[in-house]
Amino acid sequence: MSALEIVGVIVSALAIWLTARRMMACWPVGLASVALYGWIFYDAKLYSDMLLQGAFAILQVYGWWRWLAQRESGNTPDGNASGAVHVRVVPLRALLPGLGFAVVCSAALGFAMARYTDAALPFVDASLTAFSLVAQYWTARRYIASWWLWSVVNVVYVGMFLFKGLYPTAGLYALFIGLAVIGWRDWSRAMARDVDAAAQREPASVA
């Protein structure tokens, strides 16, 4: 346990909570969390997860841009008052390629880490990295299925971090499981509200 890991836990938990609440601040806070965990994972020789933080940084910027674009267009469920964004169901054309990418990337990255580095748990770490990338991309695209994928990934992460002795981080990822449930609940409610609002507007538009 280190002071850096404790700070990383706090900042990362805040970023996930803000994401569950669909607040734009989740992206800059998320950038701070990936910077902290990039160093933490390097020190723990979890190189796939270290590289994942760099990819996360790119996806954080992408998600920030996507959410800002919707807010600035005024296409928000609350009249652009809070900056909350619409939630969507992941389409089949995105679901299958995303999961396929994760499987292929898991095998390729795991092989590279096992052969060319002294990475701990290379294939487990690589698989978590690949599926986390897909989950983060789905979050940026506002797909509600991202919370289901995050839940599965975080359960495996808890076991890996316990094995590596990163106990505060294991606790963080256990917290992430709970936050993923809250995120799914809140996004489901938001999507239901959007459907109801669209249904109420439809008769007026027809008339």
N, C-alpha and C. Protein backbone atom coordinates (compact mmCIF):
# COMPACT_ATOMS: atom_id res chain seq x y z
N MET A 1 0.84 -1.19 0.00
CA MET A 1 0.00 0.00 0.00
C MET A 1 0.88 1.24 0.00
N SER A 2 0.52 2.24 -0.81
CA SER A 2 1.29 3.48 -0.87
C SER A 2 0.33 4.66 -0.90
N ALA A 3 0.90 5.85 -0.61
CA ALA A 3 0.07 7.05 -0.65
C ALA A 3 -0.46 7.29 -2.06
N LEU A 4 0.38 6.98 -3.08
CA LEU A 4 -0.04 7.16 -4.47
C LEU A 4 -1.23 6.27 -4.80
N GLU A 5 -1.20 5.02 -4.31
CA GLU A 5 -2.30 4.10 -4.59
C GLU A 5 -3.58 4.57 -3.92
N ILE A 6 -3.47 5.09 -2.70
CA ILE A 6 -4.66 5.59 -1.99
C ILE A 6 -5.28 6.76 -2.74
N VAL A 7 -4.42 7.69 -3.22
CA VAL A 7 -4.93 8.82 -4.00
C VAL A 7 -5.58 8.33 -5.29
N GLY A 8 -4.94 7.34 -5.93
CA GLY A 8 -5.51 6.78 -7.15
C GLY A 8 -6.88 6.17 -6.91
N VAL A 9 -7.04 5.48 -5.78
CA VAL A 9 -8.33 4.89 -5.43
C VAL A 9 -9.40 5.97 -5.31
N ILE A 10 -9.09 7.04 -4.61
CA ILE A 10 -10.07 8.11 -4.37
C ILE A 10 -10.46 8.79 -5.69
N VAL A 11 -9.46 9.13 -6.50
CA VAL A 11 -9.74 9.84 -7.75
C VAL A 11 -10.51 8.95 -8.73
N SER A 12 -10.14 7.67 -8.80
CA SER A 12 -10.82 6.75 -9.72
C SER A 12 -12.26 6.52 -9.31
N ALA A 13 -12.50 6.35 -8.00
CA ALA A 13 -13.88 6.16 -7.53
C ALA A 13 -14.73 7.38 -7.86
N LEU A 14 -14.15 8.57 -7.70
CA LEU A 14 -14.88 9.79 -8.03
C LEU A 14 -15.23 9.84 -9.51
N ALA A 15 -14.28 9.43 -10.36
CA ALA A 15 -14.51 9.45 -11.81
C ALA A 15 -15.66 8.52 -12.20
N ILE A 16 -15.70 7.32 -11.61
CA ILE A 16 -16.77 6.38 -11.93
C ILE A 16 -18.11 6.89 -11.43
N TRP A 17 -18.13 7.47 -10.24
CA TRP A 17 -19.38 8.01 -9.70
C TRP A 17 -19.92 9.12 -10.60
N LEU A 18 -19.03 10.00 -11.07
CA LEU A 18 -19.45 11.08 -11.97
C LEU A 18 -19.98 10.52 -13.29
N THR A 19 -19.37 9.43 -13.77
CA THR A 19 -19.85 8.81 -14.99
C THR A 19 -21.24 8.24 -14.80
N ALA A 20 -21.45 7.56 -13.67
CA ALA A 20 -22.78 7.01 -13.38
C ALA A 20 -23.84 8.10 -13.33
N ARG A 21 -23.44 9.29 -12.87
CA ARG A 21 -24.37 10.41 -12.79
C ARG A 21 -24.47 11.17 -14.11
N ARG A 22 -23.72 10.73 -15.13
CA ARG A 22 -23.71 11.35 -16.46
C ARG A 22 -23.27 12.81 -16.40
N MET A 23 -22.27 13.10 -15.56
CA MET A 23 -21.75 14.45 -15.41
C MET A 23 -20.46 14.60 -16.20
N MET A 24 -20.34 15.72 -16.92
CA MET A 24 -19.22 15.94 -17.82
C MET A 24 -17.87 15.93 -17.10
N ALA A 25 -17.86 16.25 -15.82
CA ALA A 25 -16.61 16.28 -15.06
C ALA A 25 -15.96 14.91 -14.94
N CYS A 26 -16.69 13.84 -15.29
CA CYS A 26 -16.11 12.50 -15.20
C CYS A 26 -14.88 12.36 -16.08
N TRP A 27 -14.81 13.10 -17.19
CA TRP A 27 -13.71 12.92 -18.14
C TRP A 27 -12.39 13.54 -17.66
N PRO A 28 -12.35 14.81 -17.19
CA PRO A 28 -11.08 15.31 -16.66
C PRO A 28 -10.62 14.58 -15.40
N VAL A 29 -11.57 14.20 -14.54
CA VAL A 29 -11.21 13.43 -13.35
C VAL A 29 -10.69 12.06 -13.76
N GLY A 30 -11.29 11.48 -14.79
CA GLY A 30 -10.82 10.20 -15.31
C GLY A 30 -9.41 10.29 -15.87
N LEU A 31 -9.08 11.38 -16.52
CA LEU A 31 -7.71 11.57 -17.03
C LEU A 31 -6.70 11.59 -15.88
N ALA A 32 -7.08 12.23 -14.78
CA ALA A 32 -6.18 12.25 -13.62
C ALA A 32 -6.00 10.84 -13.05
N SER A 33 -7.07 10.05 -13.04
CA SER A 33 -6.98 8.70 -12.47
C SER A 33 -6.11 7.79 -13.33
N VAL A 34 -6.19 7.91 -14.66
CA VAL A 34 -5.37 7.03 -15.50
C VAL A 34 -3.89 7.40 -15.40
N ALA A 35 -3.61 8.68 -15.18
CA ALA A 35 -2.21 9.08 -15.00
C ALA A 35 -1.64 8.46 -13.72
N LEU A 36 -2.42 8.48 -12.66
CA LEU A 36 -1.97 7.89 -11.40
C LEU A 36 -1.77 6.39 -11.53
N TYR A 37 -2.72 5.71 -12.16
CA TYR A 37 -2.65 4.26 -12.25
C TYR A 37 -1.65 3.77 -13.29
N GLY A 38 -1.29 4.62 -14.24
CA GLY A 38 -0.21 4.26 -15.15
C GLY A 38 1.08 3.99 -14.38
N TRP A 39 1.37 4.82 -13.41
CA TRP A 39 2.58 4.62 -12.60
C TRP A 39 2.42 3.47 -11.62
N ILE A 40 1.25 3.33 -11.03
CA ILE A 40 1.02 2.24 -10.07
C ILE A 40 1.20 0.89 -10.74
N PHE A 41 0.65 0.72 -11.95
CA PHE A 41 0.75 -0.56 -12.64
C PHE A 41 2.16 -0.83 -13.16
N TYR A 42 2.87 0.23 -13.51
CA TYR A 42 4.27 0.05 -13.91
C TYR A 42 5.09 -0.50 -12.74
N ASP A 43 4.86 0.05 -11.58
CA ASP A 43 5.59 -0.39 -10.39
C ASP A 43 5.24 -1.84 -10.03
N ALA A 44 3.99 -2.26 -10.33
CA ALA A 44 3.55 -3.62 -10.01
C ALA A 44 3.88 -4.62 -11.13
N LYS A 45 4.52 -4.14 -12.22
CA LYS A 45 4.86 -4.97 -13.39
C LYS A 45 3.61 -5.54 -14.07
N LEU A 46 2.52 -4.81 -13.99
CA LEU A 46 1.32 -5.15 -14.75
C LEU A 46 1.34 -4.30 -16.02
N TYR A 47 2.18 -4.69 -16.97
CA TYR A 47 2.49 -3.83 -18.10
C TYR A 47 1.30 -3.65 -19.05
N SER A 48 0.50 -4.70 -19.20
CA SER A 48 -0.68 -4.53 -20.05
C SER A 48 -1.60 -3.47 -19.48
N ASP A 49 -1.80 -3.49 -18.16
CA ASP A 49 -2.65 -2.48 -17.54
C ASP A 49 -1.99 -1.11 -17.57
N MET A 50 -0.67 -1.05 -17.53
CA MET A 50 0.02 0.23 -17.67
C MET A 50 -0.26 0.82 -19.05
N LEU A 51 -0.13 -0.02 -20.10
CA LEU A 51 -0.43 0.43 -21.45
C LEU A 51 -1.90 0.80 -21.60
N LEU A 52 -2.75 0.07 -20.88
CA LEU A 52 -4.18 0.35 -20.93
C LEU A 52 -4.47 1.77 -20.48
N GLN A 53 -3.73 2.27 -19.50
CA GLN A 53 -3.98 3.63 -19.02
C GLN A 53 -3.72 4.67 -20.12
N GLY A 54 -2.70 4.39 -20.96
CA GLY A 54 -2.45 5.29 -22.08
C GLY A 54 -3.59 5.27 -23.08
N ALA A 55 -4.12 4.06 -23.37
CA ALA A 55 -5.27 3.96 -24.26
C ALA A 55 -6.50 4.60 -23.62
N PHE A 56 -6.64 4.42 -22.32
CA PHE A 56 -7.75 5.05 -21.61
C PHE A 56 -7.69 6.57 -21.74
N ALA A 57 -6.48 7.13 -21.67
CA ALA A 57 -6.33 8.58 -21.77
C ALA A 57 -6.89 9.07 -23.11
N ILE A 58 -6.58 8.32 -24.19
CA ILE A 58 -7.10 8.69 -25.51
C ILE A 58 -8.61 8.58 -25.54
N LEU A 59 -9.14 7.49 -24.96
CA LEU A 59 -10.59 7.30 -24.94
C LEU A 59 -11.29 8.30 -24.02
N GLN A 60 -10.58 8.74 -22.97
CA GLN A 60 -11.15 9.78 -22.11
C GLN A 60 -11.36 11.06 -22.91
N VAL A 61 -10.36 11.43 -23.71
CA VAL A 61 -10.48 12.63 -24.55
C VAL A 61 -11.60 12.45 -25.57
N TYR A 62 -11.65 11.25 -26.17
CA TYR A 62 -12.70 10.95 -27.15
C TYR A 62 -14.09 11.04 -26.51
N GLY A 63 -14.26 10.43 -25.33
CA GLY A 63 -15.54 10.49 -24.66
C GLY A 63 -15.93 11.90 -24.27
N TRP A 64 -14.96 12.67 -23.79
CA TRP A 64 -15.21 14.07 -23.43
C TRP A 64 -15.73 14.83 -24.64
N TRP A 65 -15.08 14.62 -25.79
CA TRP A 65 -15.48 15.30 -27.02
C TRP A 65 -16.88 14.86 -27.45
N ARG A 66 -17.18 13.55 -27.39
CA ARG A 66 -18.48 13.05 -27.80
C ARG A 66 -19.60 13.60 -26.92
N TRP A 67 -19.37 13.60 -25.60
CA TRP A 67 -20.41 14.09 -24.69
C TRP A 67 -20.59 15.60 -24.83
N LEU A 68 -19.49 16.33 -25.02
CA LEU A 68 -19.60 17.77 -25.22
C LEU A 68 -20.36 18.10 -26.50
N ALA A 69 -20.13 17.33 -27.56
CA ALA A 69 -20.80 17.56 -28.83
C ALA A 69 -22.30 17.43 -28.67
N GLN A 70 -22.75 16.44 -27.89
CA GLN A 70 -24.19 16.28 -27.69
C GLN A 70 -24.75 17.41 -26.83
N ARG A 71 -24.01 17.77 -25.79
CA ARG A 71 -24.51 18.83 -24.91
C ARG A 71 -24.62 20.16 -25.66
N GLU A 72 -23.61 20.46 -26.48
CA GLU A 72 -23.62 21.73 -27.19
C GLU A 72 -24.70 21.78 -28.26
N SER A 73 -25.14 20.60 -28.72
CA SER A 73 -26.23 20.56 -29.69
C SER A 73 -27.58 20.75 -29.02
N GLY A 74 -27.59 20.74 -27.66
CA GLY A 74 -28.84 20.87 -26.93
C GLY A 74 -29.62 19.58 -26.85
N ASN A 75 -29.02 18.46 -27.31
CA ASN A 75 -29.72 17.18 -27.34
C ASN A 75 -29.52 16.44 -26.03
N THR A 76 -30.04 16.99 -24.94
CA THR A 76 -29.91 16.40 -23.62
C THR A 76 -31.27 16.15 -23.03
N PRO A 77 -31.41 15.18 -22.15
CA PRO A 77 -32.71 14.83 -21.60
C PRO A 77 -33.26 15.84 -20.62
N ASP A 78 -32.44 16.80 -20.19
CA ASP A 78 -32.94 17.75 -19.19
C ASP A 78 -32.86 19.18 -19.69
N GLY A 79 -32.98 19.35 -21.00
CA GLY A 79 -32.97 20.70 -21.54
C GLY A 79 -31.62 21.37 -21.44
N ASN A 80 -30.55 20.59 -21.40
CA ASN A 80 -29.19 21.12 -21.34
C ASN A 80 -28.91 21.83 -20.02
N ALA A 81 -29.68 21.52 -18.98
CA ALA A 81 -29.48 22.21 -17.71
C ALA A 81 -28.30 21.66 -16.94
N SER A 82 -28.07 20.36 -16.99
CA SER A 82 -27.01 19.77 -16.17
C SER A 82 -25.90 19.16 -17.00
N GLY A 83 -26.07 19.14 -18.31
CA GLY A 83 -25.05 18.52 -19.15
C GLY A 83 -25.16 17.02 -19.23
N ALA A 84 -26.22 16.42 -18.68
CA ALA A 84 -26.40 14.98 -18.77
C ALA A 84 -26.66 14.58 -20.21
N VAL A 85 -26.26 13.36 -20.56
CA VAL A 85 -26.35 12.94 -21.95
C VAL A 85 -27.34 11.80 -22.11
N HIS A 86 -27.81 11.62 -23.34
CA HIS A 86 -28.70 10.51 -23.65
C HIS A 86 -27.97 9.18 -23.55
N VAL A 87 -28.69 8.15 -23.18
CA VAL A 87 -28.16 6.80 -23.08
C VAL A 87 -28.74 5.98 -24.22
N ARG A 88 -27.94 5.03 -24.74
CA ARG A 88 -28.38 4.24 -25.88
C ARG A 88 -28.14 2.75 -25.63
N VAL A 89 -28.91 1.93 -26.34
CA VAL A 89 -28.69 0.49 -26.35
C VAL A 89 -27.61 0.19 -27.39
N VAL A 90 -26.67 -0.69 -27.05
CA VAL A 90 -25.60 -1.00 -27.99
C VAL A 90 -26.17 -1.77 -29.17
N PRO A 91 -25.96 -1.29 -30.41
CA PRO A 91 -26.49 -2.01 -31.57
C PRO A 91 -25.66 -3.26 -31.86
N LEU A 92 -26.27 -4.21 -32.55
CA LEU A 92 -25.60 -5.47 -32.85
C LEU A 92 -24.34 -5.24 -33.67
N ARG A 93 -24.36 -4.23 -34.54
CA ARG A 93 -23.20 -3.95 -35.39
C ARG A 93 -22.00 -3.45 -34.58
N ALA A 94 -22.25 -2.98 -33.35
CA ALA A 94 -21.16 -2.56 -32.47
C ALA A 94 -20.84 -3.64 -31.45
N LEU A 95 -21.83 -4.43 -31.06
CA LEU A 95 -21.64 -5.44 -30.03
C LEU A 95 -20.68 -6.54 -30.48
N LEU A 96 -20.95 -7.16 -31.62
CA LEU A 96 -20.13 -8.29 -32.07
C LEU A 96 -18.70 -7.89 -32.44
N PRO A 97 -18.49 -6.81 -33.20
CA PRO A 97 -17.10 -6.40 -33.48
C PRO A 97 -16.34 -6.01 -32.21
N GLY A 98 -17.02 -5.41 -31.26
CA GLY A 98 -16.35 -5.01 -30.03
C GLY A 98 -15.85 -6.21 -29.24
N LEU A 99 -16.72 -7.21 -29.08
CA LEU A 99 -16.32 -8.40 -28.34
C LEU A 99 -15.28 -9.20 -29.12
N GLY A 100 -15.42 -9.23 -30.45
CA GLY A 100 -14.43 -9.93 -31.28
C GLY A 100 -13.05 -9.28 -31.17
N PHE A 101 -13.02 -7.95 -31.18
CA PHE A 101 -11.76 -7.24 -31.01
C PHE A 101 -11.12 -7.58 -29.69
N ALA A 102 -11.93 -7.65 -28.64
CA ALA A 102 -11.40 -7.95 -27.30
C ALA A 102 -10.76 -9.33 -27.26
N VAL A 103 -11.39 -10.32 -27.89
CA VAL A 103 -10.86 -11.68 -27.87
C VAL A 103 -9.52 -11.75 -28.62
N VAL A 104 -9.47 -11.17 -29.81
CA VAL A 104 -8.24 -11.20 -30.61
C VAL A 104 -7.12 -10.43 -29.93
N CYS A 105 -7.45 -9.26 -29.39
CA CYS A 105 -6.46 -8.43 -28.72
C CYS A 105 -5.94 -9.12 -27.46
N SER A 106 -6.81 -9.84 -26.75
CA SER A 106 -6.40 -10.57 -25.55
C SER A 106 -5.32 -11.59 -25.87
N ALA A 107 -5.55 -12.36 -26.94
CA ALA A 107 -4.60 -13.40 -27.31
C ALA A 107 -3.28 -12.81 -27.78
N ALA A 108 -3.35 -11.78 -28.63
CA ALA A 108 -2.13 -11.20 -29.20
C ALA A 108 -1.30 -10.50 -28.13
N LEU A 109 -1.95 -9.68 -27.30
CA LEU A 109 -1.21 -8.95 -26.27
C LEU A 109 -0.69 -9.90 -25.20
N GLY A 110 -1.48 -10.91 -24.85
CA GLY A 110 -1.03 -11.87 -23.85
C GLY A 110 0.20 -12.63 -24.32
N PHE A 111 0.20 -13.03 -25.58
CA PHE A 111 1.36 -13.73 -26.13
C PHE A 111 2.60 -12.83 -26.12
N ALA A 112 2.42 -11.57 -26.52
CA ALA A 112 3.56 -10.65 -26.56
C ALA A 112 4.12 -10.40 -25.16
N MET A 113 3.24 -10.23 -24.18
CA MET A 113 3.69 -9.97 -22.83
C MET A 113 4.37 -11.19 -22.21
N ALA A 114 3.85 -12.38 -22.52
CA ALA A 114 4.46 -13.60 -21.98
C ALA A 114 5.82 -13.88 -22.60
N ARG A 115 5.98 -13.55 -23.85
CA ARG A 115 7.21 -13.88 -24.56
C ARG A 115 8.31 -12.85 -24.38
N TYR A 116 7.94 -11.58 -24.33
CA TYR A 116 8.95 -10.53 -24.40
C TYR A 116 9.12 -9.72 -23.12
N THR A 117 8.31 -9.95 -22.09
CA THR A 117 8.45 -9.18 -20.85
C THR A 117 8.39 -10.13 -19.66
N ASP A 118 8.62 -9.54 -18.49
CA ASP A 118 8.48 -10.31 -17.25
C ASP A 118 7.14 -10.01 -16.57
N ALA A 119 6.14 -9.73 -17.40
CA ALA A 119 4.82 -9.36 -16.88
C ALA A 119 4.25 -10.44 -15.99
N ALA A 120 3.61 -10.02 -14.93
CA ALA A 120 2.88 -10.95 -14.06
C ALA A 120 1.51 -11.23 -14.68
N LEU A 121 1.08 -12.50 -14.68
CA LEU A 121 -0.23 -12.91 -15.20
C LEU A 121 -0.49 -12.31 -16.59
N PRO A 122 0.39 -12.58 -17.56
CA PRO A 122 0.29 -11.88 -18.85
C PRO A 122 -1.03 -12.05 -19.57
N PHE A 123 -1.59 -13.27 -19.60
CA PHE A 123 -2.81 -13.48 -20.37
C PHE A 123 -4.04 -12.95 -19.64
N VAL A 124 -4.08 -13.08 -18.34
CA VAL A 124 -5.18 -12.51 -17.57
C VAL A 124 -5.17 -10.99 -17.68
N ASP A 125 -4.00 -10.43 -17.50
CA ASP A 125 -3.84 -8.98 -17.57
C ASP A 125 -4.20 -8.46 -18.96
N ALA A 126 -3.75 -9.18 -20.00
CA ALA A 126 -4.04 -8.76 -21.37
C ALA A 126 -5.53 -8.83 -21.68
N SER A 127 -6.19 -9.88 -21.20
CA SER A 127 -7.63 -10.01 -21.44
C SER A 127 -8.41 -8.89 -20.76
N LEU A 128 -8.03 -8.58 -19.53
CA LEU A 128 -8.69 -7.50 -18.83
C LEU A 128 -8.46 -6.16 -19.54
N THR A 129 -7.25 -6.00 -20.06
CA THR A 129 -6.93 -4.78 -20.81
C THR A 129 -7.82 -4.64 -22.03
N ALA A 130 -7.93 -5.71 -22.81
CA ALA A 130 -8.70 -5.67 -24.05
C ALA A 130 -10.19 -5.40 -23.78
N PHE A 131 -10.76 -6.13 -22.83
CA PHE A 131 -12.19 -5.94 -22.56
C PHE A 131 -12.46 -4.60 -21.89
N SER A 132 -11.49 -4.07 -21.14
CA SER A 132 -11.65 -2.75 -20.54
C SER A 132 -11.67 -1.67 -21.61
N LEU A 133 -10.87 -1.85 -22.66
CA LEU A 133 -10.88 -0.89 -23.77
C LEU A 133 -12.25 -0.84 -24.43
N VAL A 134 -12.82 -2.02 -24.65
CA VAL A 134 -14.15 -2.06 -25.26
C VAL A 134 -15.18 -1.41 -24.34
N ALA A 135 -15.10 -1.71 -23.04
CA ALA A 135 -16.04 -1.12 -22.10
C ALA A 135 -15.91 0.40 -22.06
N GLN A 136 -14.68 0.90 -22.11
CA GLN A 136 -14.48 2.35 -22.08
C GLN A 136 -15.00 3.00 -23.36
N TYR A 137 -14.79 2.34 -24.49
CA TYR A 137 -15.32 2.88 -25.76
C TYR A 137 -16.84 2.91 -25.72
N TRP A 138 -17.45 1.84 -25.20
CA TRP A 138 -18.90 1.83 -25.09
C TRP A 138 -19.41 2.92 -24.16
N THR A 139 -18.65 3.22 -23.11
CA THR A 139 -19.04 4.32 -22.21
C THR A 139 -19.02 5.63 -22.96
N ALA A 140 -17.96 5.85 -23.76
CA ALA A 140 -17.87 7.07 -24.55
C ALA A 140 -19.03 7.19 -25.54
N ARG A 141 -19.49 6.05 -26.06
CA ARG A 141 -20.61 6.04 -26.99
C ARG A 141 -21.97 6.04 -26.29
N ARG A 142 -21.94 6.02 -24.95
CA ARG A 142 -23.14 6.09 -24.12
C ARG A 142 -23.99 4.82 -24.22
N TYR A 143 -23.35 3.67 -24.47
CA TYR A 143 -24.07 2.40 -24.51
C TYR A 143 -24.27 1.87 -23.10
N ILE A 144 -25.50 1.58 -22.74
CA ILE A 144 -25.78 1.12 -21.39
C ILE A 144 -25.13 -0.23 -21.09
N ALA A 145 -24.86 -1.03 -22.14
CA ALA A 145 -24.21 -2.33 -21.95
C ALA A 145 -22.80 -2.19 -21.38
N SER A 146 -22.24 -0.99 -21.45
CA SER A 146 -20.89 -0.80 -20.90
C SER A 146 -20.85 -1.16 -19.42
N TRP A 147 -21.93 -0.93 -18.69
CA TRP A 147 -21.94 -1.22 -17.26
C TRP A 147 -21.92 -2.72 -16.99
N TRP A 148 -22.59 -3.51 -17.84
CA TRP A 148 -22.53 -4.96 -17.69
C TRP A 148 -21.11 -5.47 -17.92
N LEU A 149 -20.48 -4.95 -18.96
CA LEU A 149 -19.12 -5.39 -19.26
C LEU A 149 -18.16 -4.96 -18.16
N TRP A 150 -18.31 -3.74 -17.67
CA TRP A 150 -17.47 -3.28 -16.57
C TRP A 150 -17.63 -4.17 -15.34
N SER A 151 -18.84 -4.62 -15.07
CA SER A 151 -19.07 -5.46 -13.89
C SER A 151 -18.29 -6.76 -13.97
N VAL A 152 -18.34 -7.40 -15.13
CA VAL A 152 -17.61 -8.66 -15.32
C VAL A 152 -16.11 -8.43 -15.22
N VAL A 153 -15.61 -7.42 -15.89
CA VAL A 153 -14.18 -7.11 -15.87
C VAL A 153 -13.71 -6.82 -14.45
N ASN A 154 -14.49 -6.04 -13.71
CA ASN A 154 -14.07 -5.64 -12.37
C ASN A 154 -14.03 -6.81 -11.40
N VAL A 155 -14.92 -7.78 -11.57
CA VAL A 155 -14.89 -8.97 -10.71
C VAL A 155 -13.55 -9.70 -10.88
N VAL A 156 -13.10 -9.86 -12.12
CA VAL A 156 -11.83 -10.53 -12.38
C VAL A 156 -10.67 -9.68 -11.87
N TYR A 157 -10.78 -8.36 -12.04
CA TYR A 157 -9.73 -7.47 -11.56
C TYR A 157 -9.54 -7.61 -10.04
N VAL A 158 -10.62 -7.73 -9.32
CA VAL A 158 -10.51 -7.86 -7.86
C VAL A 158 -9.64 -9.06 -7.50
N GLY A 159 -9.89 -10.19 -8.14
CA GLY A 159 -9.08 -11.37 -7.87
C GLY A 159 -7.62 -11.18 -8.23
N MET A 160 -7.34 -10.52 -9.36
CA MET A 160 -5.97 -10.32 -9.78
C MET A 160 -5.22 -9.40 -8.82
N PHE A 161 -5.87 -8.33 -8.38
CA PHE A 161 -5.20 -7.39 -7.49
C PHE A 161 -4.98 -7.98 -6.10
N LEU A 162 -5.91 -8.82 -5.66
CA LEU A 162 -5.68 -9.52 -4.39
C LEU A 162 -4.46 -10.43 -4.51
N PHE A 163 -4.34 -11.12 -5.62
CA PHE A 163 -3.20 -11.99 -5.85
C PHE A 163 -1.89 -11.22 -5.87
N LYS A 164 -1.92 -10.00 -6.42
CA LYS A 164 -0.72 -9.17 -6.51
C LYS A 164 -0.45 -8.37 -5.25
N GLY A 165 -1.33 -8.44 -4.26
CA GLY A 165 -1.12 -7.72 -3.01
C GLY A 165 -1.46 -6.24 -3.09
N LEU A 166 -2.18 -5.83 -4.13
CA LEU A 166 -2.61 -4.44 -4.26
C LEU A 166 -3.99 -4.31 -3.61
N TYR A 167 -4.00 -4.37 -2.28
CA TYR A 167 -5.26 -4.50 -1.55
C TYR A 167 -6.15 -3.26 -1.66
N PRO A 168 -5.62 -2.03 -1.55
CA PRO A 168 -6.51 -0.88 -1.75
C PRO A 168 -7.11 -0.85 -3.15
N THR A 169 -6.31 -1.25 -4.16
CA THR A 169 -6.83 -1.27 -5.52
C THR A 169 -7.88 -2.37 -5.68
N ALA A 170 -7.67 -3.51 -5.03
CA ALA A 170 -8.69 -4.57 -5.05
C ALA A 170 -9.99 -4.06 -4.43
N GLY A 171 -9.87 -3.33 -3.33
CA GLY A 171 -11.05 -2.74 -2.72
C GLY A 171 -11.72 -1.73 -3.63
N LEU A 172 -10.89 -0.95 -4.36
CA LEU A 172 -11.43 0.02 -5.30
C LEU A 172 -12.26 -0.68 -6.37
N TYR A 173 -11.72 -1.78 -6.91
CA TYR A 173 -12.43 -2.47 -8.00
C TYR A 173 -13.66 -3.19 -7.47
N ALA A 174 -13.64 -3.60 -6.21
CA ALA A 174 -14.85 -4.12 -5.61
C ALA A 174 -15.91 -3.02 -5.52
N LEU A 175 -15.46 -1.81 -5.17
CA LEU A 175 -16.36 -0.66 -5.16
C LEU A 175 -16.87 -0.37 -6.56
N PHE A 176 -16.00 -0.54 -7.56
CA PHE A 176 -16.41 -0.32 -8.95
C PHE A 176 -17.58 -1.23 -9.35
N ILE A 177 -17.59 -2.45 -8.81
CA ILE A 177 -18.70 -3.36 -9.12
C ILE A 177 -20.02 -2.75 -8.64
N GLY A 178 -20.00 -2.24 -7.41
CA GLY A 178 -21.19 -1.58 -6.89
C GLY A 178 -21.56 -0.34 -7.69
N LEU A 179 -20.55 0.44 -8.07
CA LEU A 179 -20.81 1.64 -8.87
C LEU A 179 -21.34 1.30 -10.25
N ALA A 180 -20.90 0.16 -10.80
CA ALA A 180 -21.41 -0.27 -12.10
C ALA A 180 -22.89 -0.60 -12.00
N VAL A 181 -23.29 -1.22 -10.90
CA VAL A 181 -24.71 -1.51 -10.69
C VAL A 181 -25.50 -0.21 -10.59
N ILE A 182 -24.95 0.76 -9.84
CA ILE A 182 -25.61 2.06 -9.71
C ILE A 182 -25.67 2.76 -11.06
N GLY A 183 -24.56 2.68 -11.82
CA GLY A 183 -24.53 3.29 -13.14
C GLY A 183 -25.57 2.70 -14.07
N TRP A 184 -25.67 1.37 -14.07
CA TRP A 184 -26.68 0.72 -14.91
C TRP A 184 -28.09 1.15 -14.49
N ARG A 185 -28.32 1.22 -13.18
CA ARG A 185 -29.65 1.62 -12.69
C ARG A 185 -29.97 3.05 -13.12
N ASP A 186 -29.02 3.97 -12.93
CA ASP A 186 -29.28 5.37 -13.25
C ASP A 186 -29.43 5.58 -14.75
N TRP A 187 -28.59 4.90 -15.54
CA TRP A 187 -28.70 5.04 -16.99
C TRP A 187 -29.99 4.40 -17.50
N SER A 188 -30.42 3.31 -16.89
CA SER A 188 -31.69 2.69 -17.29
C SER A 188 -32.85 3.64 -17.03
N ARG A 189 -32.84 4.27 -15.87
CA ARG A 189 -33.89 5.23 -15.55
C ARG A 189 -33.86 6.41 -16.51
N ALA A 190 -32.66 6.89 -16.84
CA ALA A 190 -32.55 8.01 -17.76
C ALA A 190 -33.08 7.63 -19.14
N MET A 191 -32.76 6.43 -19.59
CA MET A 191 -33.23 5.98 -20.90
C MET A 191 -34.75 5.85 -20.90
N ALA A 192 -35.32 5.36 -19.79
CA ALA A 192 -36.77 5.25 -19.70
C ALA A 192 -37.43 6.64 -19.73
N ARG A 193 -36.80 7.60 -19.06
CA ARG A 193 -37.34 8.97 -19.09
C ARG A 193 -37.30 9.55 -20.50
N ASP A 194 -36.21 9.27 -21.22
CA ASP A 194 -36.10 9.77 -22.59
C ASP A 194 -37.17 9.16 -23.49
N VAL A 195 -37.44 7.86 -23.29
CA VAL A 195 -38.48 7.18 -24.08
C VAL A 195 -39.85 7.80 -23.79
N ASP A 196 -40.12 8.04 -22.50
CA ASP A 196 -41.40 8.64 -22.12
C ASP A 196 -41.53 10.05 -22.69
N ALA A 197 -40.44 10.82 -22.63
CA ALA A 197 -40.49 12.19 -23.15
C ALA A 197 -40.72 12.17 -24.66
N ALA A 198 -40.08 11.24 -25.36
CA ALA A 198 -40.27 11.14 -26.81
C ALA A 198 -41.70 10.74 -27.14
N ALA A 199 -42.28 9.85 -26.33
CA ALA A 199 -43.65 9.41 -26.56
C ALA A 199 -44.64 10.57 -26.36
N GLN A 200 -44.36 11.44 -25.39
CA GLN A 200 -45.22 12.57 -25.11
C GLN A 200 -45.15 13.62 -26.21
N ARG A 201 -43.96 13.74 -26.83
CA ARG A 201 -43.80 14.73 -27.91
C ARG A 201 -44.39 14.26 -29.22
N GLU A 202 -44.50 12.94 -29.40
CA GLU A 202 -44.88 12.39 -30.70
C GLU A 202 -46.26 12.84 -31.16
N PRO A 203 -47.31 12.83 -30.32
CA PRO A 203 -48.63 13.29 -30.82
C PRO A 203 -48.61 14.72 -31.30
N ALA A 204 -47.84 15.59 -30.59
CA ALA A 204 -47.78 16.99 -30.98
C ALA A 204 -47.12 17.14 -32.33
N SER A 205 -46.07 16.36 -32.58
CA SER A 205 -45.36 16.47 -33.84
C SER A 205 -46.21 15.96 -34.99
N VAL A 206 -47.05 14.91 -34.70
CA VAL A 206 -47.92 14.38 -35.74
C VAL A 206 -49.01 15.37 -36.09
N ALA A 207 -49.55 16.04 -35.03
CA ALA A 207 -50.59 17.02 -35.25
C ALA A 207 -50.06 18.21 -36.02
